[in-house]
PDB file of N, CA and C in Angstrom:
ATOM      1  N   MET A   1      -5.516   3.308 -15.228  1.00  0.00           N
ATOM      2  CA  MET A   1      -4.314   3.602 -14.464  1.00  0.00           C
ATOM      3  C   MET A   1      -4.728   3.899 -13.023  1.00  0.00           C
ATOM      4  N   CYS A   2      -3.941   3.421 -12.079  1.00  0.00           N
ATOM      5  CA  CYS A   2      -4.297   3.603 -10.675  1.00  0.00           C
ATOM      6  C   CYS A   2      -4.004   5.033 -10.209  1.00  0.00           C
ATOM      7  N   GLU A   3      -4.623   5.392  -9.098  1.00  0.00           N
ATOM      8  CA  GLU A   3      -4.454   6.760  -8.578  1.00  0.00           C
ATOM      9  C   GLU A   3      -3.020   7.049  -8.153  1.00  0.00           C
ATOM     10  N   PHE A   4      -2.265   6.027  -7.744  1.00  0.00           N
ATOM     11  CA  PHE A   4      -0.891   6.245  -7.305  1.00  0.00           C
ATOM     12  C   PHE A   4       0.029   6.522  -8.485  1.00  0.00           C
ATOM     13  N   CYS A   5      -0.228   5.844  -9.609  1.00  0.00           N
ATOM     14  CA  CYS A   5       0.562   6.133 -10.817  1.00  0.00           C
ATOM     15  C   CYS A   5       0.272   7.543 -11.295  1.00  0.00           C
ATOM     16  N   THR A   6      -0.985   7.924 -11.241  1.00  0.00           N
ATOM     17  CA  THR A   6      -1.358   9.268 -11.669  1.00  0.00           C
ATOM     18  C   THR A   6      -0.719  10.322 -10.776  1.00  0.00           C
ATOM     19  N   ARG A   7      -0.754  10.102  -9.467  1.00  0.00           N
ATOM     20  CA  ARG A   7      -0.245  11.093  -8.521  1.00  0.00           C
ATOM     21  C   ARG A   7       1.272  11.126  -8.456  1.00  0.00           C
ATOM     22  N   HIS A   8       1.916   9.948  -8.410  1.00  0.00           N
ATOM     23  CA  HIS A   8       3.361   9.902  -8.169  1.00  0.00           C
ATOM     24  C   HIS A   8       4.194   9.577  -9.406  1.00  0.00           C
ATOM     25  N   GLY A   9       3.568   9.173 -10.472  1.00  0.00           N
ATOM     26  CA  GLY A   9       4.318   8.782 -11.648  1.00  0.00           C
ATOM     27  C   GLY A   9       4.068   9.652 -12.851  1.00  0.00           C
ATOM     28  N   GLU A  10       3.432  10.796 -12.619  1.00  0.00           N
ATOM     29  CA  GLU A  10       3.138  11.746 -13.689  1.00  0.00           C
ATOM     30  C   GLU A  10       2.446  11.049 -14.857  1.00  0.00           C
ATOM     31  N   GLY A  11       1.480  10.180 -14.516  1.00  0.00           N
ATOM     32  CA  GLY A  11       0.705   9.497 -15.535  1.00  0.00           C
ATOM     33  C   GLY A  11       1.326   8.217 -16.046  1.00  0.00           C
ATOM     34  N   CYS A  12       2.506   7.873 -15.566  1.00  0.00           N
ATOM     35  CA  CYS A  12       3.175   6.632 -15.952  1.00  0.00           C
ATOM     36  C   CYS A  12       3.274   5.742 -14.714  1.00  0.00           C
ATOM     37  N   GLN A  13       3.788   4.544 -14.880  1.00  0.00           N
ATOM     38  CA  GLN A  13       3.945   3.674 -13.726  1.00  0.00           C
ATOM     39  C   GLN A  13       4.977   4.282 -12.771  1.00  0.00           C
ATOM     40  N   TRP A  14       4.541   4.633 -11.568  1.00  0.00           N
ATOM     41  CA  TRP A  14       5.414   5.307 -10.603  1.00  0.00           C
ATOM     42  C   TRP A  14       6.622   4.458 -10.246  1.00  0.00           C
ATOM     43  N   TYR A  15       6.478   3.137 -10.245  1.00  0.00           N
ATOM     44  CA  TYR A  15       7.565   2.259  -9.814  1.00  0.00           C
ATOM     45  C   TYR A  15       8.674   2.142 -10.860  1.00  0.00           C
ATOM     46  N   LEU A  16       8.453   2.678 -12.065  1.00  0.00           N
ATOM     47  CA  LEU A  16       9.496   2.665 -13.079  1.00  0.00           C
ATOM     48  C   LEU A  16      10.344   3.939 -13.056  1.00  0.00           C
ATOM     49  N   ALA A  17       9.952   4.912 -12.246  1.00  0.00           N
ATOM     50  CA  ALA A  17      10.699   6.170 -12.130  1.00  0.00           C
ATOM     51  C   ALA A  17      11.752   6.028 -11.029  1.00  0.00           C
ATOM     52  N   MET A  18      13.013   6.062 -11.390  1.00  0.00           N
ATOM     53  CA  MET A  18      14.095   5.852 -10.428  1.00  0.00           C
ATOM     54  C   MET A  18      14.096   6.868  -9.291  1.00  0.00           C
ATOM     55  N   GLU A  19      13.642   8.101  -9.562  1.00  0.00           N
ATOM     56  CA  GLU A  19      13.641   9.103  -8.491  1.00  0.00           C
ATOM     57  C   GLU A  19      12.713   8.722  -7.336  1.00  0.00           C
ATOM     58  N   ASN A  20      11.780   7.807  -7.571  1.00  0.00           N
ATOM     59  CA  ASN A  20      10.904   7.343  -6.500  1.00  0.00           C
ATOM     60  C   ASN A  20      11.618   6.399  -5.533  1.00  0.00           C
ATOM     61  N   TYR A  21      12.849   6.020  -5.858  1.00  0.00           N
ATOM     62  CA  TYR A  21      13.639   5.144  -4.996  1.00  0.00           C
ATOM     63  C   TYR A  21      14.890   5.849  -4.468  1.00  0.00           C
ATOM     64  N   SER A  22      14.933   7.144  -4.553  1.00  0.00           N
ATOM     65  CA  SER A  22      16.140   7.883  -4.196  1.00  0.00           C
ATOM     66  C   SER A  22      16.427   7.832  -2.695  1.00  0.00           C
ATOM     67  N   ARG A  23      17.693   7.965  -2.356  1.00  0.00           N
ATOM     68  CA  ARG A  23      18.102   7.998  -0.952  1.00  0.00           C
ATOM     69  C   ARG A  23      17.490   9.211  -0.251  1.00  0.00           C
ATOM     70  N   ASP A  24      17.393  10.350  -0.961  1.00  0.00           N
ATOM     71  CA  ASP A  24      16.790  11.542  -0.363  1.00  0.00           C
ATOM     72  C   ASP A  24      15.362  11.256   0.089  1.00  0.00           C
ATOM     73  N   LEU A  25      14.614  10.562  -0.734  1.00  0.00           N
ATOM     74  CA  LEU A  25      13.235  10.220  -0.378  1.00  0.00           C
ATOM     75  C   LEU A  25      13.215   9.272   0.818  1.00  0.00           C
ATOM     76  N   PHE A  26      14.115   8.302   0.837  1.00  0.00           N
ATOM     77  CA  PHE A  26      14.182   7.340   1.925  1.00  0.00           C
ATOM     78  C   PHE A  26      14.559   8.010   3.245  1.00  0.00           C
ATOM     79  N   GLU A  27      15.432   9.007   3.190  1.00  0.00           N
ATOM     80  CA  GLU A  27      15.900   9.688   4.390  1.00  0.00           C
ATOM     81  C   GLU A  27      14.922  10.758   4.885  1.00  0.00           C
ATOM     82  N   GLU A  28      13.931  11.084   4.118  1.00  0.00           N
ATOM     83  CA  GLU A  28      13.014  12.172   4.411  1.00  0.00           C
ATOM     84  C   GLU A  28      12.171  11.917   5.672  1.00  0.00           C
ATOM     85  N   ARG A  29      12.141  12.875   6.562  1.00  0.00           N
ATOM     86  CA  ARG A  29      11.267  12.938   7.730  1.00  0.00           C
ATOM     87  C   ARG A  29      10.892  11.613   8.380  1.00  0.00           C
ATOM     88  N   GLY A  30      11.862  10.870   8.829  1.00  0.00           N
ATOM     89  CA  GLY A  30      11.595   9.646   9.578  1.00  0.00           C
ATOM     90  C   GLY A  30      11.140   8.469   8.728  1.00  0.00           C
ATOM     91  N   ARG A  31      11.318   8.567   7.425  1.00  0.00           N
ATOM     92  CA  ARG A  31      10.882   7.489   6.528  1.00  0.00           C
ATOM     93  C   ARG A  31      11.622   6.186   6.829  1.00  0.00           C
ATOM     94  N   ARG A  32      12.923   6.272   7.099  1.00  0.00           N
ATOM     95  CA  ARG A  32      13.705   5.061   7.403  1.00  0.00           C
ATOM     96  C   ARG A  32      13.128   4.354   8.626  1.00  0.00           C
ATOM     97  N   GLU A  33      12.858   5.097   9.676  1.00  0.00           N
ATOM     98  CA  GLU A  33      12.301   4.510  10.895  1.00  0.00           C
ATOM     99  C   GLU A  33      10.925   3.906  10.628  1.00  0.00           C
ATOM    100  N   TYR A  34      10.129   4.594   9.806  1.00  0.00           N
ATOM    101  CA  TYR A  34       8.806   4.088   9.458  1.00  0.00           C
ATOM    102  C   TYR A  34       8.920   2.753   8.722  1.00  0.00           C
ATOM    103  N   VAL A  35       9.824   2.670   7.757  1.00  0.00           N
ATOM    104  CA  VAL A  35       9.985   1.445   6.972  1.00  0.00           C
ATOM    105  C   VAL A  35      10.474   0.306   7.869  1.00  0.00           C
ATOM    106  N   VAL A  36      11.452   0.575   8.713  1.00  0.00           N
ATOM    107  CA  VAL A  36      11.964  -0.460   9.617  1.00  0.00           C
ATOM    108  C   VAL A  36      10.857  -0.944  10.540  1.00  0.00           C
ATOM    109  N   ASP A  37      10.117  -0.021  11.125  1.00  0.00           N
ATOM    110  CA  ASP A  37       9.014  -0.392  12.016  1.00  0.00           C
ATOM    111  C   ASP A  37       7.926  -1.152  11.255  1.00  0.00           C
ATOM    112  N   PHE A  38       7.590  -0.686  10.067  1.00  0.00           N
ATOM    113  CA  PHE A  38       6.561  -1.326   9.253  1.00  0.00           C
ATOM    114  C   PHE A  38       6.937  -2.780   8.953  1.00  0.00           C
ATOM    115  N   LEU A  39       8.177  -3.012   8.543  1.00  0.00           N
ATOM    116  CA  LEU A  39       8.605  -4.366   8.197  1.00  0.00           C
ATOM    117  C   LEU A  39       8.769  -5.258   9.421  1.00  0.00           C
ATOM    118  N   ASN A  40       9.301  -4.718  10.503  1.00  0.00           N
ATOM    119  CA  ASN A  40       9.517  -5.522  11.698  1.00  0.00           C
ATOM    120  C   ASN A  40       8.229  -5.928  12.401  1.00  0.00           C
ATOM    121  N   HIS A  41       7.165  -5.157  12.220  1.00  0.00           N
ATOM    122  CA  HIS A  41       5.910  -5.440  12.915  1.00  0.00           C
ATOM    123  C   HIS A  41       4.758  -5.744  11.970  1.00  0.00           C
ATOM    124  N   PHE A  42       5.063  -6.065  10.718  1.00  0.00           N
ATOM    125  CA  PHE A  42       4.020  -6.275   9.718  1.00  0.00           C
ATOM    126  C   PHE A  42       3.056  -7.392  10.114  1.00  0.00           C
ATOM    127  N   THR A  43       3.578  -8.534  10.494  1.00  0.00           N
ATOM    128  CA  THR A  43       2.720  -9.677  10.800  1.00  0.00           C
ATOM    129  C   THR A  43       1.858  -9.431  12.022  1.00  0.00           C
ATOM    130  N   GLU A  44       2.444  -8.888  13.078  1.00  0.00           N
ATOM    131  CA  GLU A  44       1.640  -8.668  14.289  1.00  0.00           C
ATOM    132  C   GLU A  44       0.576  -7.595  14.081  1.00  0.00           C
ATOM    133  N   ARG A  45       0.822  -6.633  13.202  1.00  0.00           N
ATOM    134  CA  ARG A  45      -0.172  -5.597  12.931  1.00  0.00           C
ATOM    135  C   ARG A  45      -1.226  -6.033  11.917  1.00  0.00           C
ATOM    136  N   ASN A  46      -0.829  -6.883  10.983  1.00  0.00           N
ATOM    137  CA  ASN A  46      -1.705  -7.178   9.857  1.00  0.00           C
ATOM    138  C   ASN A  46      -2.197  -8.614   9.780  1.00  0.00           C
ATOM    139  N   GLY A  47      -1.660  -9.503  10.598  1.00  0.00           N
ATOM    140  CA  GLY A  47      -2.075 -10.904  10.538  1.00  0.00           C
ATOM    141  C   GLY A  47      -3.569 -11.076  10.717  1.00  0.00           C
ATOM    142  N   LYS A  48      -4.128 -10.397  11.688  1.00  0.00           N
ATOM    143  CA  LYS A  48      -5.567 -10.480  11.956  1.00  0.00           C
ATOM    144  C   LYS A  48      -6.370  -9.890  10.787  1.00  0.00           C
ATOM    145  N   ALA A  49      -5.829  -8.854  10.164  1.00  0.00           N
ATOM    146  CA  ALA A  49      -6.524  -8.195   9.055  1.00  0.00           C
ATOM    147  C   ALA A  49      -6.715  -9.143   7.880  1.00  0.00           C
ATOM    148  N   PHE A  50      -5.742 -10.007   7.615  1.00  0.00           N
ATOM    149  CA  PHE A  50      -5.878 -10.956   6.513  1.00  0.00           C
ATOM    150  C   PHE A  50      -7.019 -11.933   6.775  1.00  0.00           C
ATOM    151  N   ASP A  51      -7.143 -12.380   8.011  1.00  0.00           N
ATOM    152  CA  ASP A  51      -8.265 -13.251   8.372  1.00  0.00           C
ATOM    153  C   ASP A  51      -9.595 -12.512   8.222  1.00  0.00           C
ATOM    154  N   GLN A  52      -9.599 -11.248   8.616  1.00  0.00           N
ATOM    155  CA  GLN A  52     -10.824 -10.450   8.499  1.00  0.00           C
ATOM    156  C   GLN A  52     -11.207 -10.228   7.040  1.00  0.00           C
ATOM    157  N   LEU A  53     -10.231 -10.032   6.177  1.00  0.00           N
ATOM    158  CA  LEU A  53     -10.519  -9.866   4.751  1.00  0.00           C
ATOM    159  C   LEU A  53     -11.152 -11.114   4.163  1.00  0.00           C
ATOM    160  N   ASP A  54     -10.693 -12.274   4.583  1.00  0.00           N
ATOM    161  CA  ASP A  54     -11.313 -13.517   4.124  1.00  0.00           C
ATOM    162  C   ASP A  54     -12.778 -13.572   4.553  1.00  0.00           C
ATOM    163  N   ALA A  55     -13.052 -13.138   5.792  1.00  0.00           N
ATOM    164  CA  ALA A  55     -14.437 -13.124   6.285  1.00  0.00           C
ATOM    165  C   ALA A  55     -15.280 -12.100   5.526  1.00  0.00           C
ATOM    166  N   VAL A  56     -14.716 -10.944   5.219  1.00  0.00           N
ATOM    167  CA  VAL A  56     -15.433  -9.891   4.483  1.00  0.00           C
ATOM    168  C   VAL A  56     -15.827 -10.386   3.088  1.00  0.00           C
ATOM    169  N   ASN A  57     -14.955 -11.153   2.466  1.00  0.00           N
ATOM    170  CA  ASN A  57     -15.239 -11.658   1.116  1.00  0.00           C
ATOM    171  C   ASN A  57     -16.451 -12.578   1.072  1.00  0.00           C
ATOM    172  N   ARG A  58     -16.876 -13.071   2.220  1.00  0.00           N
ATOM    173  CA  ARG A  58     -18.054 -13.931   2.273  1.00  0.00           C
ATOM    174  C   ARG A  58     -19.330 -13.159   2.606  1.00  0.00           C
ATOM    175  N   LEU A  59     -19.231 -11.863   2.851  1.00  0.00           N
ATOM    176  CA  LEU A  59     -20.393 -11.050   3.205  1.00  0.00           C
ATOM    177  C   LEU A  59     -21.183 -10.611   1.972  1.00  0.00           C
ATOM    178  N   PRO A  60     -22.520 -10.482   2.116  1.00  0.00           N
ATOM    179  CA  PRO A  60     -23.327  -9.995   0.994  1.00  0.00           C
ATOM    180  C   PRO A  60     -22.998  -8.544   0.618  1.00  0.00           C
ATOM    181  N   LEU A  61     -22.599  -7.726   1.578  1.00  0.00           N
ATOM    182  CA  LEU A  61     -22.283  -6.316   1.329  1.00  0.00           C
ATOM    183  C   LEU A  61     -20.778  -6.081   1.222  1.00  0.00           C
ATOM    184  N   ARG A  62     -20.074  -7.060   0.696  1.00  0.00           N
ATOM    185  CA  ARG A  62     -18.609  -6.981   0.669  1.00  0.00           C
ATOM    186  C   ARG A  62     -18.080  -5.765  -0.083  1.00  0.00           C
ATOM    187  N   SER A  63     -18.763  -5.298  -1.139  1.00  0.00           N
ATOM    188  CA  SER A  63     -18.249  -4.137  -1.874  1.00  0.00           C
ATOM    189  C   SER A  63     -18.301  -2.871  -1.016  1.00  0.00           C
ATOM    190  N   LEU A  64     -19.343  -2.716  -0.229  1.00  0.00           N
ATOM    191  CA  LEU A  64     -19.442  -1.558   0.671  1.00  0.00           C
ATOM    192  C   LEU A  64     -18.375  -1.640   1.758  1.00  0.00           C
ATOM    193  N   VAL A  65     -18.236  -2.806   2.369  1.00  0.00           N
ATOM    194  CA  VAL A  65     -17.236  -2.997   3.419  1.00  0.00           C
ATOM    195  C   VAL A  65     -15.839  -2.794   2.843  1.00  0.00           C
ATOM    196  N   HIS A  66     -15.602  -3.311   1.644  1.00  0.00           N
ATOM    197  CA  HIS A  66     -14.300  -3.169   1.000  1.00  0.00           C
ATOM    198  C   HIS A  66     -13.947  -1.703   0.788  1.00  0.00           C
ATOM    199  N   SER A  67     -14.876  -0.903   0.302  1.00  0.00           N
ATOM    200  CA  SER A  67     -14.580   0.509   0.062  1.00  0.00           C
ATOM    201  C   SER A  67     -14.264   1.248   1.361  1.00  0.00           C
ATOM    202  N   VAL A  68     -14.944   0.902   2.443  1.00  0.00           N
ATOM    203  CA  VAL A  68     -14.657   1.521   3.748  1.00  0.00           C
ATOM    204  C   VAL A  68     -13.259   1.116   4.221  1.00  0.00           C
ATOM    205  N   LEU A  69     -12.930  -0.168   4.076  1.00  0.00           N
ATOM    206  CA  LEU A  69     -11.609  -0.644   4.507  1.00  0.00           C
ATOM    207  C   LEU A  69     -10.484  -0.011   3.692  1.00  0.00           C
ATOM    208  N   VAL A  70     -10.691   0.133   2.394  1.00  0.00           N
ATOM    209  CA  VAL A  70      -9.679   0.769   1.542  1.00  0.00           C
ATOM    210  C   VAL A  70      -9.468   2.213   1.977  1.00  0.00           C
ATOM    211  N   HIS A  71     -10.552   2.929   2.208  1.00  0.00           N
ATOM    212  CA  HIS A  71     -10.444   4.327   2.641  1.00  0.00           C
ATOM    213  C   HIS A  71      -9.657   4.433   3.947  1.00  0.00           C
ATOM    214  N   ARG A  72      -9.948   3.557   4.901  1.00  0.00           N
ATOM    215  CA  ARG A  72      -9.248   3.589   6.191  1.00  0.00           C
ATOM    216  C   ARG A  72      -7.786   3.182   6.041  1.00  0.00           C
ATOM    217  N   SER A  73      -7.501   2.235   5.152  1.00  0.00           N
ATOM    218  CA  SER A  73      -6.127   1.766   4.961  1.00  0.00           C
ATOM    219  C   SER A  73      -5.227   2.843   4.385  1.00  0.00           C
ATOM    220  N   LYS A  74      -5.776   3.683   3.547  1.00  0.00           N
ATOM    221  CA  LYS A  74      -4.976   4.718   2.896  1.00  0.00           C
ATOM    222  C   LYS A  74      -4.456   5.758   3.880  1.00  0.00           C
ATOM    223  N   ALA A  75      -5.007   5.799   5.081  1.00  0.00           N
ATOM    224  CA  ALA A  75      -4.553   6.772   6.081  1.00  0.00           C
ATOM    225  C   ALA A  75      -3.127   6.475   6.539  1.00  0.00           C
ATOM    226  N   SER A  76      -2.732   5.198   6.569  1.00  0.00           N
ATOM    227  CA  SER A  76      -1.396   4.879   7.056  1.00  0.00           C
ATOM    228  C   SER A  76      -0.505   4.274   5.975  1.00  0.00           C
ATOM    229  N   HIS A  77      -1.029   3.344   5.217  1.00  0.00           N
ATOM    230  CA  HIS A  77      -0.233   2.718   4.160  1.00  0.00           C
ATOM    231  C   HIS A  77      -1.185   1.990   3.231  1.00  0.00           C
ATOM    232  N   TYR A  78      -0.907   2.090   1.960  1.00  0.00           N
ATOM    233  CA  TYR A  78      -1.720   1.374   0.986  1.00  0.00           C
ATOM    234  C   TYR A  78      -0.806   0.963  -0.142  1.00  0.00           C
ATOM    235  N   GLY A  79      -0.549  -0.325  -0.260  1.00  0.00           N
ATOM    236  CA  GLY A  79       0.409  -0.821  -1.237  1.00  0.00           C
ATOM    237  C   GLY A  79      -0.147  -0.884  -2.644  1.00  0.00           C
ATOM    238  N   GLN A  80       0.744  -0.861  -3.577  1.00  0.00           N
ATOM    239  CA  GLN A  80       0.404  -0.975  -4.995  1.00  0.00           C
ATOM    240  C   GLN A  80       0.973  -2.280  -5.513  1.00  0.00           C
ATOM    241  N   VAL A  81       0.133  -3.078  -6.131  1.00  0.00           N
ATOM    242  CA  VAL A  81       0.607  -4.319  -6.736  1.00  0.00           C
ATOM    243  C   VAL A  81       1.343  -3.984  -8.023  1.00  0.00           C
ATOM    244  N   VAL A  82       2.514  -4.564  -8.189  1.00  0.00           N
ATOM    245  CA  VAL A  82       3.307  -4.361  -9.382  1.00  0.00           C
ATOM    246  C   VAL A  82       3.061  -5.558 -10.301  1.00  0.00           C
ATOM    247  N   PRO A  83       2.749  -5.337 -11.570  1.00  0.00           N
ATOM    248  CA  PRO A  83       2.516  -6.455 -12.482  1.00  0.00           C
ATOM    249  C   PRO A  83       3.744  -7.357 -12.602  1.00  0.00           C
ATOM    250  N   LEU A  84       3.507  -8.644 -12.733  1.00  0.00           N
ATOM    251  CA  LEU A  84       4.582  -9.619 -12.809  1.00  0.00           C
ATOM    252  C   LEU A  84       5.547  -9.310 -13.950  1.00  0.00           C
ATOM    253  N   GLU A  85       5.026  -8.821 -15.064  1.00  0.00           N
ATOM    254  CA  GLU A  85       5.872  -8.485 -16.210  1.00  0.00           C
ATOM    255  C   GLU A  85       6.898  -7.409 -15.847  1.00  0.00           C
ATOM    256  N   ASP A  86       6.529  -6.493 -14.953  1.00  0.00           N
ATOM    257  CA  ASP A  86       7.434  -5.408 -14.578  1.00  0.00           C
ATOM    258  C   ASP A  86       8.415  -5.816 -13.479  1.00  0.00           C
ATOM    259  N   VAL A  87       8.080  -6.860 -12.740  1.00  0.00           N
ATOM    260  CA  VAL A  87       8.976  -7.328 -11.686  1.00  0.00           C
ATOM    261  C   VAL A  87      10.193  -7.943 -12.325  1.00  0.00           C
TER     262      VAL A  87
END
């Protein structure tokens, strides 16, 4: 089980808990503005990162580089992949 399910889903899949999608959560402390900004500027902020990830995958030390990148990514946003069966 991933760390986000453990932390936000009380040991279950966090994305199946309806309270994680509540309006109160969305309205909390500038969350709406963050989401709008995140979506409106996703490509310009992350387009280069996708190219860099492709380059990292070809490096001999890719596991070390990957762990550093994951740690840095969690500071601002780190998405969780939802299994196709649950979508």
